[in-house]
Amino acid sequence: MKRFFGSDNIAFTAHTQDTRSPVASRSFTSFSQAAQEDALSRLWLGVHYRWDATDGLTLGDTIAATSSPTRCSNRLSSCQQGLPSFALGDRPPPMAAAPTSAP
């Protein structure tokens, strides 16, 4: 996101509709802050180790740096060629029905 928008310092608030969540929204001052919290949440849950969070952040950054949509300028029109149409707000293509096996 920081590459797409050309800045990491973009404040935003993420919301959930999960009625079981103790917090309905979280505000962040940057994409990196949100990514760091997300990575560490798995550590706090006890389902991952510290290196999972660190390596996951590094891997995500590496993928973002090398994938075509992120090599565009921050103007959406120049990025449209590298994105599938549903990434631009269209609905994703319908999933094909699973084949059924004959008895």
Protein backbone atom coordinates (compact mmCIF):
# COMPACT_ATOMS: atom_id res chain seq x y z
CA MET A 1 0.00 0.00 0.00
CA LYS A 2 2.78 2.43 0.80
CA ARG A 3 4.28 1.89 -2.65
CA PHE A 4 0.94 2.29 -4.37
CA PHE A 5 0.08 5.53 -2.57
CA GLY A 6 3.66 6.80 -2.59
CA SER A 7 3.74 7.25 1.18
CA ASP A 8 3.64 5.13 4.30
CA ASN A 9 2.35 7.99 6.46
CA ILE A 10 -1.34 7.69 5.66
CA ALA A 11 -3.64 7.52 8.67
CA PHE A 12 -6.67 5.25 8.43
CA THR A 13 -9.17 3.38 10.56
CA ALA A 14 -10.07 -0.28 10.01
CA HIS A 15 -13.51 -1.49 11.14
CA THR A 16 -14.97 -4.90 11.86
CA GLN A 17 -18.56 -6.07 11.85
CA ASP A 18 -17.71 -9.07 14.03
CA THR A 19 -20.04 -8.73 17.00
CA ARG A 20 -17.69 -10.84 19.14
CA SER A 21 -14.79 -8.42 18.69
CA PRO A 22 -14.02 -6.41 21.82
CA VAL A 23 -12.99 -3.47 19.61
CA ALA A 24 -15.06 -2.34 16.62
CA SER A 25 -12.34 -0.24 15.01
CA ARG A 26 -8.60 0.39 15.13
CA SER A 27 -6.83 3.51 13.93
CA PHE A 28 -3.33 3.55 12.51
CA THR A 29 -0.96 6.35 11.54
CA SER A 30 0.72 4.33 8.77
CA PHE A 31 0.50 1.14 6.75
CA SER A 32 3.66 -0.10 8.48
CA GLN A 33 2.08 0.36 11.89
CA ALA A 34 -0.89 -1.77 10.84
CA ALA A 35 1.36 -4.43 9.30
CA GLN A 36 3.51 -4.59 12.43
CA GLU A 37 0.47 -4.97 14.70
CA ASP A 38 -1.00 -7.61 12.43
CA ALA A 39 2.25 -9.57 12.38
CA LEU A 40 2.65 -9.41 16.15
CA SER A 41 -0.96 -10.42 16.76
CA ARG A 42 -0.08 -13.97 15.76
CA LEU A 43 2.73 -13.93 18.30
CA TRP A 44 0.38 -12.67 21.03
CA LEU A 45 -2.13 -15.40 20.15
CA GLY A 46 0.59 -17.98 20.63
CA VAL A 47 0.26 -19.45 17.15
CA HIS A 48 3.56 -18.13 15.74
CA TYR A 49 7.06 -17.27 16.88
CA ARG A 50 8.81 -13.89 16.64
CA TRP A 51 10.74 -14.92 13.52
CA ASP A 52 7.45 -15.74 11.79
CA ALA A 53 6.36 -12.14 12.22
CA THR A 54 9.72 -10.72 11.18
CA ASP A 55 10.11 -13.03 8.18
CA GLY A 56 6.48 -12.50 7.17
CA LEU A 57 6.94 -8.72 7.08
CA THR A 58 10.15 -9.10 5.07
CA LEU A 59 8.52 -11.52 2.64
CA GLY A 60 5.49 -9.27 2.18
CA ASP A 61 7.71 -6.28 1.49
CA THR A 62 9.78 -8.28 -1.01
CA ILE A 63 6.69 -9.51 -2.85
CA ALA A 64 5.26 -5.98 -2.95
CA ALA A 65 8.53 -4.64 -4.36
CA THR A 66 8.62 -7.18 -7.18
CA SER A 67 4.96 -7.53 -8.17
CA SER A 68 3.85 -5.52 -11.19
CA PRO A 69 0.99 -3.50 -9.66
CA THR A 70 3.36 -1.96 -7.11
CA ARG A 71 5.87 -0.88 -9.75
CA CYS A 72 3.32 1.57 -11.12
CA SER A 73 3.12 5.20 -10.25
CA ASN A 74 0.63 6.15 -7.58
CA ARG A 75 -1.97 7.09 -10.20
CA LEU A 76 -4.52 4.30 -10.58
CA SER A 77 -4.89 4.72 -14.34
CA SER A 78 -1.23 3.84 -14.90
CA CYS A 79 -1.60 0.72 -12.74
CA GLN A 80 -4.69 -0.74 -14.35
CA GLN A 81 -2.74 -2.80 -16.86
CA GLY A 82 -1.04 -4.79 -14.09
CA LEU A 83 -4.13 -5.51 -11.99
CA PRO A 84 -6.86 -8.07 -12.56
CA SER A 85 -10.18 -6.32 -13.18
CA PHE A 86 -11.71 -7.39 -9.87
CA ALA A 87 -8.85 -5.68 -7.99
CA LEU A 88 -10.11 -2.39 -9.39
CA GLY A 89 -13.51 -2.66 -7.74
CA ASP A 90 -15.32 -5.00 -10.11
CA ARG A 91 -16.75 -8.20 -8.76
CA PRO A 92 -14.42 -11.20 -8.98
CA PRO A 93 -15.23 -13.75 -11.66
CA PRO A 94 -17.64 -16.49 -10.51
CA MET A 95 -16.06 -19.69 -9.31
CA ALA A 96 -16.56 -22.68 -11.54
CA ALA A 97 -18.76 -25.39 -10.12
CA ALA A 98 -16.84 -28.33 -8.75
CA PRO A 99 -17.10 -31.36 -10.99
CA THR A 100 -19.27 -34.11 -9.63
CA SER A 101 -18.16 -37.68 -9.88
CA ALA A 102 -20.47 -40.31 -11.25
CA PRO A 103 -21.31 -43.19 -8.87
